[in-house]
Amino acid sequence: IALVCMVPELFSQYYYNQWANFDGINDYMATAGNNDITLDTAFTIEGWIFVQDTVGTNKTIVSKVNNSLSDGYALLVQGSSSSPGNAGKLQLNLHGGTYVIAQTASTRLALNGWSHFAVTFQNAFPNSDTIKFYINGTLVQTAISNIPSLTNTSDSLRIGNCYLPGNYGNGFKGRLDNL
């Protein structure tokens, strides 16, 4: 698997020209909570993605959210029924989903093709936090918001499926690489 996670507990062999493949039903990868995957005042989540389905609900790329949906973060691909008109665009959920920053700019992730994505967050006290969405190296949208200090959860990090353990409703169908 060519999926690279900056997490000491997630061990995978590294091969070139291979990726993690998800069926959109019940596939996911998980690792226990760790300080290395706790987000704070500045972070970037990036990788390569091959989206094969945007029908239905939003599709989880990566998440670390608790069961009460009050703490943690998630990065998703918007689905056609969850976000009509924005299917194939990125969405960042903070504080478990209390703060949803959805990409609305016209650029979408490629359907059945590879795209590089990056989402950055910079806390700028007191009320001008900056969130930027990049697709294929191009800044496609900047959002300014007033988000309280990020709260993190000790729950596991999940890649490729819903952030609620046992709930497979937000399965990602496609491939991920160099996350």
N, C-alpha and C. Protein backbone atom coordinates (compact mmCIF):
# COMPACT_ATOMS: atom_id res chain seq x y z
N ILE A 1 0.85 -1.18 0.00
CA ILE A 1 0.00 0.00 0.00
C ILE A 1 0.89 1.23 0.00
N ALA A 2 0.59 2.16 -0.86
CA ALA A 2 1.37 3.37 -0.96
C ALA A 2 0.77 4.49 -0.12
N LEU A 3 -0.18 4.16 0.72
CA LEU A 3 -0.79 5.14 1.61
C LEU A 3 0.20 5.45 2.71
N VAL A 4 0.56 6.70 2.83
CA VAL A 4 1.54 7.09 3.83
C VAL A 4 0.84 7.92 4.89
N CYS A 5 0.81 7.44 6.09
CA CYS A 5 0.23 8.19 7.20
C CYS A 5 1.35 8.54 8.16
N MET A 6 1.33 9.73 8.65
CA MET A 6 2.35 10.17 9.59
C MET A 6 1.96 9.76 11.00
N VAL A 7 1.70 8.48 11.17
CA VAL A 7 1.24 7.95 12.44
C VAL A 7 2.12 6.76 12.80
N PRO A 8 2.82 6.81 13.93
CA PRO A 8 3.72 5.72 14.28
C PRO A 8 3.02 4.37 14.42
N GLU A 9 1.75 4.33 14.83
CA GLU A 9 1.08 3.06 15.07
C GLU A 9 0.53 2.43 13.81
N LEU A 10 0.47 3.17 12.71
CA LEU A 10 -0.07 2.62 11.47
C LEU A 10 1.07 2.13 10.62
N PHE A 11 1.26 0.83 10.61
CA PHE A 11 2.36 0.24 9.86
C PHE A 11 1.81 -0.36 8.58
N SER A 12 2.38 0.01 7.48
CA SER A 12 2.01 -0.59 6.21
C SER A 12 3.26 -0.68 5.36
N GLN A 13 3.28 -1.66 4.50
CA GLN A 13 4.41 -1.76 3.60
C GLN A 13 4.29 -0.68 2.56
N TYR A 14 5.41 -0.17 2.11
CA TYR A 14 5.41 0.91 1.12
C TYR A 14 5.87 0.36 -0.21
N TYR A 15 5.00 0.40 -1.18
CA TYR A 15 5.32 -0.03 -2.54
C TYR A 15 4.98 1.10 -3.48
N TYR A 16 5.72 1.20 -4.56
CA TYR A 16 5.40 2.20 -5.57
C TYR A 16 4.31 1.67 -6.49
N ASN A 17 3.51 2.59 -7.04
CA ASN A 17 2.45 2.28 -7.99
C ASN A 17 1.36 1.40 -7.39
N GLN A 18 1.12 1.54 -6.09
CA GLN A 18 0.00 0.87 -5.45
C GLN A 18 -0.70 1.87 -4.53
N TRP A 19 -1.92 1.61 -4.18
CA TRP A 19 -2.72 2.53 -3.38
C TRP A 19 -3.70 1.72 -2.53
N ALA A 20 -4.37 2.40 -1.62
CA ALA A 20 -5.44 1.77 -0.85
C ALA A 20 -6.72 1.89 -1.65
N ASN A 21 -7.44 0.79 -1.79
CA ASN A 21 -8.67 0.75 -2.57
C ASN A 21 -9.84 0.49 -1.61
N PHE A 22 -10.90 1.29 -1.73
CA PHE A 22 -12.06 1.18 -0.85
C PHE A 22 -13.30 0.89 -1.69
N ASP A 23 -14.17 -0.02 -1.18
CA ASP A 23 -15.34 -0.45 -1.95
C ASP A 23 -16.58 0.43 -1.75
N GLY A 24 -16.53 1.38 -0.83
CA GLY A 24 -17.69 2.25 -0.58
C GLY A 24 -18.75 1.62 0.29
N ILE A 25 -18.50 0.41 0.75
CA ILE A 25 -19.49 -0.29 1.57
C ILE A 25 -19.01 -0.42 3.01
N ASN A 26 -17.94 -1.19 3.22
CA ASN A 26 -17.50 -1.42 4.59
C ASN A 26 -15.99 -1.45 4.75
N ASP A 27 -15.25 -0.97 3.76
CA ASP A 27 -13.79 -0.92 3.87
C ASP A 27 -13.36 0.33 4.62
N TYR A 28 -12.35 0.18 5.45
CA TYR A 28 -11.71 1.32 6.09
C TYR A 28 -10.41 0.88 6.71
N MET A 29 -9.58 1.85 7.05
CA MET A 29 -8.36 1.62 7.80
C MET A 29 -8.50 2.44 9.08
N ALA A 30 -7.93 1.95 10.18
CA ALA A 30 -8.04 2.67 11.44
C ALA A 30 -6.76 2.52 12.23
N THR A 31 -6.50 3.52 13.05
CA THR A 31 -5.39 3.47 13.98
C THR A 31 -5.83 4.13 15.28
N ALA A 32 -5.27 3.70 16.37
CA ALA A 32 -5.64 4.25 17.68
C ALA A 32 -5.28 5.74 17.76
N GLY A 33 -5.97 6.45 18.65
CA GLY A 33 -5.68 7.85 18.88
C GLY A 33 -4.23 8.04 19.29
N ASN A 34 -3.64 9.15 18.88
CA ASN A 34 -2.24 9.45 19.15
C ASN A 34 -2.03 10.95 19.01
N ASN A 35 -1.13 11.52 19.78
CA ASN A 35 -0.86 12.95 19.69
C ASN A 35 -0.41 13.39 18.31
N ASP A 36 0.19 12.49 17.53
CA ASP A 36 0.65 12.85 16.19
C ASP A 36 -0.50 13.13 15.23
N ILE A 37 -1.69 12.67 15.55
CA ILE A 37 -2.85 12.92 14.68
C ILE A 37 -3.87 13.84 15.35
N THR A 38 -3.44 14.54 16.37
CA THR A 38 -4.27 15.54 17.03
C THR A 38 -4.01 16.88 16.35
N LEU A 39 -5.06 17.49 15.84
CA LEU A 39 -4.91 18.77 15.15
C LEU A 39 -5.04 19.91 16.14
N ASP A 40 -4.30 21.00 15.87
CA ASP A 40 -4.36 22.14 16.78
C ASP A 40 -4.57 23.43 16.00
N THR A 41 -3.69 24.38 16.10
CA THR A 41 -3.91 25.71 15.53
C THR A 41 -3.54 25.83 14.07
N ALA A 42 -2.81 24.89 13.52
CA ALA A 42 -2.45 24.92 12.10
C ALA A 42 -2.21 23.50 11.63
N PHE A 43 -2.80 23.15 10.48
CA PHE A 43 -2.60 21.81 9.94
C PHE A 43 -2.88 21.80 8.44
N THR A 44 -2.39 20.75 7.80
CA THR A 44 -2.70 20.47 6.40
C THR A 44 -3.04 18.99 6.29
N ILE A 45 -4.13 18.70 5.59
CA ILE A 45 -4.47 17.32 5.24
C ILE A 45 -4.39 17.26 3.72
N GLU A 46 -3.57 16.34 3.22
CA GLU A 46 -3.43 16.26 1.77
C GLU A 46 -3.20 14.83 1.32
N GLY A 47 -3.36 14.59 0.04
CA GLY A 47 -3.13 13.28 -0.53
C GLY A 47 -3.60 13.23 -1.97
N TRP A 48 -3.56 12.04 -2.51
CA TRP A 48 -4.06 11.77 -3.86
C TRP A 48 -5.33 10.94 -3.73
N ILE A 49 -6.32 11.27 -4.56
CA ILE A 49 -7.62 10.62 -4.46
C ILE A 49 -8.14 10.28 -5.85
N PHE A 50 -8.74 9.11 -5.96
CA PHE A 50 -9.39 8.64 -7.19
C PHE A 50 -10.83 8.34 -6.80
N VAL A 51 -11.72 9.28 -7.06
CA VAL A 51 -13.13 9.17 -6.65
C VAL A 51 -13.90 8.37 -7.70
N GLN A 52 -14.62 7.33 -7.25
CA GLN A 52 -15.41 6.52 -8.17
C GLN A 52 -16.92 6.69 -7.97
N ASP A 53 -17.33 7.45 -6.95
CA ASP A 53 -18.76 7.57 -6.67
C ASP A 53 -19.01 8.81 -5.83
N THR A 54 -19.95 9.65 -6.29
CA THR A 54 -20.38 10.80 -5.48
C THR A 54 -21.90 10.79 -5.28
N VAL A 55 -22.53 9.65 -5.55
CA VAL A 55 -23.98 9.52 -5.39
C VAL A 55 -24.29 9.32 -3.91
N GLY A 56 -25.36 9.93 -3.44
CA GLY A 56 -25.80 9.70 -2.06
C GLY A 56 -25.15 10.64 -1.07
N THR A 57 -24.78 10.06 0.07
CA THR A 57 -24.26 10.86 1.18
C THR A 57 -22.81 11.27 0.94
N ASN A 58 -22.32 12.16 1.81
CA ASN A 58 -20.92 12.55 1.76
C ASN A 58 -20.04 11.33 2.03
N LYS A 59 -18.89 11.28 1.41
CA LYS A 59 -17.98 10.14 1.50
C LYS A 59 -16.77 10.51 2.36
N THR A 60 -16.47 9.71 3.36
CA THR A 60 -15.39 10.01 4.30
C THR A 60 -14.02 9.67 3.71
N ILE A 61 -13.13 10.66 3.69
CA ILE A 61 -11.73 10.43 3.34
C ILE A 61 -10.99 10.04 4.61
N VAL A 62 -11.04 10.92 5.60
CA VAL A 62 -10.35 10.68 6.88
C VAL A 62 -11.17 11.32 7.99
N SER A 63 -11.20 10.67 9.15
CA SER A 63 -11.95 11.25 10.26
C SER A 63 -11.40 10.80 11.60
N LYS A 64 -11.60 11.65 12.56
CA LYS A 64 -11.25 11.37 13.95
C LYS A 64 -12.29 12.11 14.80
N VAL A 65 -13.48 11.52 14.88
CA VAL A 65 -14.62 12.15 15.52
C VAL A 65 -15.17 11.21 16.58
N ASN A 66 -15.62 11.79 17.71
CA ASN A 66 -16.17 10.94 18.76
C ASN A 66 -17.63 10.58 18.48
N ASN A 67 -18.17 9.62 19.24
CA ASN A 67 -19.53 9.14 19.02
C ASN A 67 -20.61 10.19 19.20
N SER A 68 -20.36 11.19 20.04
CA SER A 68 -21.37 12.23 20.25
C SER A 68 -21.29 13.33 19.20
N LEU A 69 -20.37 13.21 18.26
CA LEU A 69 -20.17 14.19 17.18
C LEU A 69 -19.87 15.59 17.73
N SER A 70 -19.19 15.67 18.86
CA SER A 70 -18.89 16.98 19.45
C SER A 70 -17.41 17.34 19.36
N ASP A 71 -16.53 16.37 19.17
CA ASP A 71 -15.09 16.61 19.12
C ASP A 71 -14.50 15.95 17.89
N GLY A 72 -13.37 16.49 17.44
CA GLY A 72 -12.63 15.87 16.36
C GLY A 72 -12.87 16.53 15.01
N TYR A 73 -12.37 15.87 13.97
CA TYR A 73 -12.40 16.43 12.63
C TYR A 73 -12.68 15.34 11.61
N ALA A 74 -13.13 15.76 10.43
CA ALA A 74 -13.34 14.83 9.32
C ALA A 74 -13.17 15.60 8.02
N LEU A 75 -12.62 14.92 7.02
CA LEU A 75 -12.53 15.47 5.67
C LEU A 75 -13.31 14.53 4.77
N LEU A 76 -14.25 15.09 4.00
CA LEU A 76 -15.15 14.29 3.19
C LEU A 76 -15.21 14.79 1.76
N VAL A 77 -15.69 13.92 0.87
CA VAL A 77 -16.08 14.30 -0.48
C VAL A 77 -17.60 14.46 -0.43
N GLN A 78 -18.10 15.60 -0.85
CA GLN A 78 -19.53 15.84 -0.79
C GLN A 78 -20.28 14.93 -1.76
N GLY A 79 -21.41 14.41 -1.30
CA GLY A 79 -22.26 13.53 -2.11
C GLY A 79 -23.44 14.28 -2.68
N SER A 80 -24.03 13.72 -3.72
CA SER A 80 -25.11 14.41 -4.44
C SER A 80 -26.38 14.61 -3.62
N SER A 81 -26.70 13.69 -2.70
CA SER A 81 -27.92 13.89 -1.91
C SER A 81 -27.64 14.71 -0.65
N SER A 82 -26.44 14.62 -0.10
CA SER A 82 -26.09 15.40 1.09
C SER A 82 -25.88 16.87 0.74
N SER A 83 -25.34 17.11 -0.43
CA SER A 83 -25.02 18.47 -0.84
C SER A 83 -25.31 18.65 -2.33
N PRO A 84 -26.59 18.72 -2.70
CA PRO A 84 -26.93 18.85 -4.12
C PRO A 84 -26.19 20.02 -4.78
N GLY A 85 -25.65 19.76 -5.95
CA GLY A 85 -24.92 20.78 -6.68
C GLY A 85 -23.44 20.84 -6.33
N ASN A 86 -23.04 20.20 -5.24
CA ASN A 86 -21.63 20.25 -4.82
C ASN A 86 -20.98 18.87 -4.78
N ALA A 87 -21.59 17.86 -5.37
CA ALA A 87 -21.00 16.52 -5.38
C ALA A 87 -19.61 16.57 -5.99
N GLY A 88 -18.67 15.89 -5.33
CA GLY A 88 -17.29 15.85 -5.82
C GLY A 88 -16.41 16.96 -5.30
N LYS A 89 -16.95 17.77 -4.41
CA LYS A 89 -16.17 18.84 -3.79
C LYS A 89 -15.80 18.43 -2.36
N LEU A 90 -14.84 19.11 -1.77
CA LEU A 90 -14.35 18.77 -0.43
C LEU A 90 -15.19 19.42 0.67
N GLN A 91 -15.17 18.81 1.84
CA GLN A 91 -15.84 19.37 3.02
C GLN A 91 -15.02 19.04 4.25
N LEU A 92 -14.74 20.05 5.06
CA LEU A 92 -14.00 19.87 6.32
C LEU A 92 -14.97 20.08 7.47
N ASN A 93 -15.09 19.08 8.35
CA ASN A 93 -15.91 19.18 9.55
C ASN A 93 -14.99 19.33 10.75
N LEU A 94 -15.22 20.33 11.57
CA LEU A 94 -14.45 20.55 12.79
C LEU A 94 -15.38 20.48 14.00
N HIS A 95 -14.84 20.19 15.15
CA HIS A 95 -15.63 20.01 16.37
C HIS A 95 -16.72 18.97 16.14
N GLY A 96 -16.33 17.87 15.46
CA GLY A 96 -17.23 16.76 15.23
C GLY A 96 -18.29 17.01 14.19
N GLY A 97 -18.36 18.17 13.63
CA GLY A 97 -19.37 18.50 12.64
C GLY A 97 -20.15 19.74 13.02
N THR A 98 -19.84 20.32 14.17
CA THR A 98 -20.49 21.56 14.58
C THR A 98 -20.14 22.68 13.59
N TYR A 99 -18.90 22.67 13.10
CA TYR A 99 -18.45 23.65 12.12
C TYR A 99 -18.16 22.91 10.82
N VAL A 100 -18.97 23.18 9.80
CA VAL A 100 -18.81 22.55 8.49
C VAL A 100 -18.36 23.61 7.51
N ILE A 101 -17.18 23.39 6.95
CA ILE A 101 -16.65 24.30 5.94
C ILE A 101 -16.67 23.53 4.63
N ALA A 102 -17.62 23.85 3.78
CA ALA A 102 -17.82 23.12 2.54
C ALA A 102 -17.28 23.92 1.36
N GLN A 103 -16.56 23.24 0.50
CA GLN A 103 -16.08 23.87 -0.72
C GLN A 103 -17.27 24.06 -1.64
N THR A 104 -17.45 25.28 -2.13
CA THR A 104 -18.53 25.57 -3.06
C THR A 104 -18.01 26.07 -4.40
N ALA A 105 -16.71 26.39 -4.48
CA ALA A 105 -16.13 26.85 -5.74
C ALA A 105 -16.32 25.77 -6.81
N SER A 106 -16.29 26.15 -8.06
CA SER A 106 -16.68 25.24 -9.15
C SER A 106 -15.77 24.03 -9.35
N THR A 107 -14.51 24.10 -9.00
CA THR A 107 -13.58 22.99 -9.24
C THR A 107 -13.94 21.79 -8.38
N ARG A 108 -14.00 20.62 -9.01
CA ARG A 108 -14.33 19.37 -8.33
C ARG A 108 -13.16 18.40 -8.43
N LEU A 109 -13.16 17.42 -7.54
CA LEU A 109 -12.24 16.30 -7.69
C LEU A 109 -12.64 15.52 -8.93
N ALA A 110 -11.67 14.97 -9.65
CA ALA A 110 -11.97 14.20 -10.85
C ALA A 110 -12.79 12.96 -10.49
N LEU A 111 -13.76 12.64 -11.29
CA LEU A 111 -14.51 11.40 -11.13
C LEU A 111 -13.84 10.37 -12.04
N ASN A 112 -13.44 9.23 -11.45
CA ASN A 112 -12.72 8.17 -12.17
C ASN A 112 -11.39 8.65 -12.74
N GLY A 113 -10.72 9.49 -11.99
CA GLY A 113 -9.38 9.96 -12.33
C GLY A 113 -8.69 10.46 -11.07
N TRP A 114 -7.38 10.58 -11.10
CA TRP A 114 -6.62 11.01 -9.92
C TRP A 114 -6.64 12.52 -9.77
N SER A 115 -6.77 12.98 -8.54
CA SER A 115 -6.65 14.40 -8.18
C SER A 115 -5.78 14.49 -6.93
N HIS A 116 -4.99 15.55 -6.86
CA HIS A 116 -4.28 15.84 -5.61
C HIS A 116 -5.13 16.86 -4.86
N PHE A 117 -5.30 16.66 -3.56
CA PHE A 117 -6.07 17.60 -2.76
C PHE A 117 -5.26 18.02 -1.54
N ALA A 118 -5.56 19.20 -1.05
CA ALA A 118 -4.99 19.67 0.21
C ALA A 118 -5.99 20.63 0.84
N VAL A 119 -6.13 20.51 2.15
CA VAL A 119 -6.95 21.43 2.93
C VAL A 119 -6.08 21.93 4.06
N THR A 120 -5.99 23.25 4.19
CA THR A 120 -5.18 23.84 5.26
C THR A 120 -6.06 24.62 6.21
N PHE A 121 -5.63 24.67 7.46
CA PHE A 121 -6.32 25.43 8.50
C PHE A 121 -5.27 26.23 9.26
N GLN A 122 -5.55 27.49 9.47
CA GLN A 122 -4.65 28.36 10.25
C GLN A 122 -5.51 29.16 11.22
N ASN A 123 -5.29 28.92 12.52
CA ASN A 123 -6.00 29.69 13.54
C ASN A 123 -5.38 31.07 13.62
N ALA A 124 -6.19 32.08 13.45
CA ALA A 124 -5.73 33.46 13.53
C ALA A 124 -6.57 34.17 14.58
N PHE A 125 -6.13 34.09 15.82
CA PHE A 125 -6.85 34.66 16.95
C PHE A 125 -7.10 36.14 16.72
N PRO A 126 -8.25 36.71 17.08
CA PRO A 126 -9.36 36.07 17.76
C PRO A 126 -10.44 35.54 16.83
N ASN A 127 -10.67 36.12 15.64
CA ASN A 127 -11.79 35.62 14.85
C ASN A 127 -11.58 35.66 13.34
N SER A 128 -10.45 35.20 12.90
CA SER A 128 -10.27 35.12 11.46
C SER A 128 -9.47 33.88 11.08
N ASP A 129 -10.00 32.72 11.47
CA ASP A 129 -9.38 31.46 11.08
C ASP A 129 -9.49 31.32 9.57
N THR A 130 -8.46 30.77 8.95
CA THR A 130 -8.43 30.65 7.49
C THR A 130 -8.36 29.18 7.09
N ILE A 131 -9.29 28.79 6.24
CA ILE A 131 -9.34 27.44 5.69
C ILE A 131 -9.19 27.58 4.19
N LYS A 132 -8.25 26.79 3.60
CA LYS A 132 -8.03 26.86 2.16
C LYS A 132 -8.16 25.46 1.57
N PHE A 133 -8.82 25.41 0.41
CA PHE A 133 -9.00 24.16 -0.34
C PHE A 133 -8.17 24.25 -1.62
N TYR A 134 -7.36 23.23 -1.86
CA TYR A 134 -6.55 23.14 -3.07
C TYR A 134 -6.90 21.86 -3.81
N ILE A 135 -7.00 21.94 -5.13
CA ILE A 135 -7.15 20.76 -5.97
C ILE A 135 -6.14 20.86 -7.09
N ASN A 136 -5.32 19.81 -7.22
CA ASN A 136 -4.26 19.75 -8.21
C ASN A 136 -3.34 20.96 -8.15
N GLY A 137 -3.01 21.37 -6.94
CA GLY A 137 -2.06 22.46 -6.72
C GLY A 137 -2.62 23.85 -6.88
N THR A 138 -3.89 23.97 -7.20
CA THR A 138 -4.51 25.27 -7.40
C THR A 138 -5.42 25.60 -6.22
N LEU A 139 -5.25 26.79 -5.66
CA LEU A 139 -6.16 27.25 -4.61
C LEU A 139 -7.52 27.48 -5.25
N VAL A 140 -8.54 26.74 -4.78
CA VAL A 140 -9.87 26.87 -5.36
C VAL A 140 -10.83 27.64 -4.47
N GLN A 141 -10.52 27.72 -3.17
CA GLN A 141 -11.41 28.46 -2.28
C GLN A 141 -10.72 28.76 -0.96
N THR A 142 -10.98 29.95 -0.43
CA THR A 142 -10.53 30.35 0.89
C THR A 142 -11.76 30.71 1.70
N ALA A 143 -11.83 30.22 2.92
CA ALA A 143 -12.93 30.54 3.83
C ALA A 143 -12.35 31.15 5.09
N ILE A 144 -12.99 32.18 5.57
CA ILE A 144 -12.60 32.83 6.83
C ILE A 144 -13.74 32.59 7.81
N SER A 145 -13.39 32.15 9.02
CA SER A 145 -14.41 31.82 9.99
C SER A 145 -13.90 32.10 11.39
N ASN A 146 -14.79 32.07 12.35
CA ASN A 146 -14.44 32.20 13.76
C ASN A 146 -14.76 30.87 14.43
N ILE A 147 -13.76 30.00 14.48
CA ILE A 147 -13.94 28.66 15.04
C ILE A 147 -13.26 28.62 16.40
N PRO A 148 -13.94 28.17 17.43
CA PRO A 148 -13.30 28.06 18.75
C PRO A 148 -12.08 27.13 18.67
N SER A 149 -11.22 27.22 19.65
CA SER A 149 -10.05 26.34 19.70
C SER A 149 -10.49 24.91 19.45
N LEU A 150 -9.73 24.23 18.60
CA LEU A 150 -10.10 22.87 18.23
C LEU A 150 -10.07 21.94 19.43
N THR A 151 -11.08 21.10 19.51
CA THR A 151 -11.12 20.05 20.53
C THR A 151 -10.90 18.74 19.81
N ASN A 152 -10.13 17.89 20.42
CA ASN A 152 -9.81 16.60 19.81
C ASN A 152 -10.34 15.49 20.67
N THR A 153 -10.49 14.36 20.05
CA THR A 153 -10.99 13.19 20.72
C THR A 153 -9.91 12.12 20.76
N SER A 154 -9.99 11.23 21.71
CA SER A 154 -9.03 10.12 21.78
C SER A 154 -9.48 8.95 20.90
N ASP A 155 -10.61 9.10 20.22
CA ASP A 155 -11.11 8.04 19.35
C ASP A 155 -10.11 7.77 18.22
N SER A 156 -10.28 6.66 17.56
CA SER A 156 -9.36 6.26 16.50
C SER A 156 -9.51 7.14 15.26
N LEU A 157 -8.45 7.15 14.48
CA LEU A 157 -8.46 7.79 13.17
C LEU A 157 -8.94 6.75 12.18
N ARG A 158 -9.93 7.12 11.36
CA ARG A 158 -10.46 6.19 10.36
C ARG A 158 -10.26 6.79 8.98
N ILE A 159 -9.89 5.95 8.05
CA ILE A 159 -9.66 6.37 6.67
C ILE A 159 -10.59 5.54 5.78
N GLY A 160 -11.40 6.21 4.97
CA GLY A 160 -12.21 5.52 3.98
C GLY A 160 -13.63 5.20 4.36
N ASN A 161 -14.03 5.44 5.61
CA ASN A 161 -15.41 5.15 5.97
C ASN A 161 -15.84 6.02 7.14
N CYS A 162 -17.12 5.92 7.46
CA CYS A 162 -17.76 6.78 8.44
C CYS A 162 -16.96 6.88 9.73
N TYR A 163 -17.04 8.04 10.33
CA TYR A 163 -16.30 8.28 11.56
C TYR A 163 -16.98 7.69 12.78
N LEU A 164 -18.17 7.14 12.63
CA LEU A 164 -18.83 6.47 13.75
C LEU A 164 -18.59 4.98 13.64
N PRO A 165 -17.88 4.39 14.59
CA PRO A 165 -17.62 2.95 14.53
C PRO A 165 -18.90 2.14 14.35
N GLY A 166 -18.86 1.18 13.43
CA GLY A 166 -20.02 0.34 13.17
C GLY A 166 -21.03 0.93 12.21
N ASN A 167 -20.89 2.22 11.86
CA ASN A 167 -21.80 2.85 10.92
C ASN A 167 -21.05 3.02 9.61
N TYR A 168 -21.48 2.34 8.57
CA TYR A 168 -20.78 2.39 7.29
C TYR A 168 -21.51 3.28 6.28
N GLY A 169 -22.26 4.25 6.76
CA GLY A 169 -23.09 5.07 5.89
C GLY A 169 -22.34 6.05 5.02
N ASN A 170 -21.10 6.37 5.31
CA ASN A 170 -20.36 7.35 4.54
C ASN A 170 -19.13 6.73 3.87
N GLY A 171 -19.28 5.52 3.35
CA GLY A 171 -18.16 4.82 2.75
C GLY A 171 -17.66 5.50 1.49
N PHE A 172 -16.35 5.60 1.39
CA PHE A 172 -15.69 6.18 0.21
C PHE A 172 -15.43 5.06 -0.79
N LYS A 173 -15.83 5.28 -2.04
CA LYS A 173 -15.55 4.31 -3.10
C LYS A 173 -14.50 4.92 -4.01
N GLY A 174 -13.33 4.30 -3.99
CA GLY A 174 -12.24 4.80 -4.80
C GLY A 174 -10.90 4.43 -4.21
N ARG A 175 -9.89 5.23 -4.53
CA ARG A 175 -8.52 4.94 -4.12
C ARG A 175 -7.94 6.16 -3.41
N LEU A 176 -7.07 5.89 -2.45
CA LEU A 176 -6.33 6.94 -1.74
C LEU A 176 -4.85 6.59 -1.75
N ASP A 177 -4.02 7.62 -1.88
CA ASP A 177 -2.59 7.42 -1.91
C ASP A 177 -1.90 8.61 -1.25
N ASN A 178 -0.82 8.35 -0.57
CA ASN A 178 0.03 9.39 0.05
C ASN A 178 -0.77 10.34 0.92
N LEU A 179 -1.68 9.81 1.73
CA LEU A 179 -2.49 10.62 2.63
C LEU A 179 -1.62 11.07 3.80
